[in-house]
Amino acid sequence: MNYDMPAHLKSSVIGAEVTIPITNHRLNLGTWKGIYFCEFRNSGGTRRLVLTIYS
């Protein structure tokens, strides 16, 4: 039995990447928007954040 199945399903629905516009060297998120990092596993390990900037 795979006990990580709920975490895999939630991760598939939420997604693993986000594209954010940057205007005048600032994140252009708008008034009610934010960025949240989620961990769906009960015992998640260390994670890496990869940032790629296209100009």
Protein backbone atom coordinates (compact mmCIF):
# COMPACT_ATOMS: atom_id res chain seq x y z
CA MET A 1 0.00 0.00 0.00
CA ASN A 2 1.31 3.46 -0.91
CA TYR A 3 0.83 5.79 2.06
CA ASP A 4 2.07 8.79 0.04
CA MET A 5 -0.82 8.57 -2.43
CA PRO A 6 -2.76 11.54 -0.89
CA ALA A 7 0.42 13.65 -1.06
CA HIS A 8 0.99 12.67 -4.70
CA LEU A 9 -2.59 13.51 -5.62
CA LYS A 10 -2.47 16.92 -3.88
CA SER A 11 0.87 17.70 -5.51
CA SER A 12 -0.56 16.86 -8.93
CA VAL A 13 -3.54 19.17 -8.42
CA ILE A 14 -1.57 22.10 -6.96
CA GLY A 15 1.41 21.83 -9.32
CA ALA A 16 5.15 22.09 -8.85
CA GLU A 17 5.97 25.38 -10.52
CA VAL A 18 4.75 28.94 -10.82
CA THR A 19 5.44 31.81 -13.22
CA ILE A 20 5.54 35.27 -11.66
CA PRO A 21 5.91 38.53 -13.60
CA ILE A 22 8.56 40.96 -12.35
CA THR A 23 8.07 44.68 -13.00
CA ASN A 24 10.64 47.31 -12.00
CA HIS A 25 12.65 44.71 -10.02
CA ARG A 26 9.60 43.74 -7.91
CA LEU A 27 7.23 40.78 -7.97
CA ASN A 28 4.08 41.85 -9.78
CA LEU A 29 1.57 39.85 -7.74
CA GLY A 30 -1.29 42.29 -7.28
CA THR A 31 -3.20 43.15 -4.12
CA TRP A 32 -4.67 39.77 -3.09
CA LYS A 33 -2.06 37.38 -4.49
CA GLY A 34 0.75 35.56 -2.68
CA ILE A 35 3.18 32.66 -3.00
CA TYR A 36 2.88 29.69 -0.65
CA PHE A 37 5.18 26.70 -0.27
CA CYS A 38 3.29 23.52 0.63
CA GLU A 39 4.49 20.20 2.00
CA PHE A 40 1.86 17.47 1.76
CA ARG A 41 3.87 14.61 3.25
CA ASN A 42 3.78 13.91 6.95
CA SER A 43 7.56 13.50 7.09
CA GLY A 44 8.98 15.48 4.20
CA GLY A 45 12.72 15.69 3.72
CA THR A 46 14.84 18.64 2.70
CA ARG A 47 13.78 20.56 -0.39
CA ARG A 48 15.55 22.80 -2.89
CA LEU A 49 14.13 25.93 -4.43
CA VAL A 50 15.17 26.54 -8.03
CA LEU A 51 14.76 30.08 -9.37
CA THR A 52 15.10 30.76 -13.10
CA ILE A 53 14.86 34.30 -14.44
CA TYR A 54 14.26 34.97 -18.12
CA SER A 55 14.80 38.47 -19.44
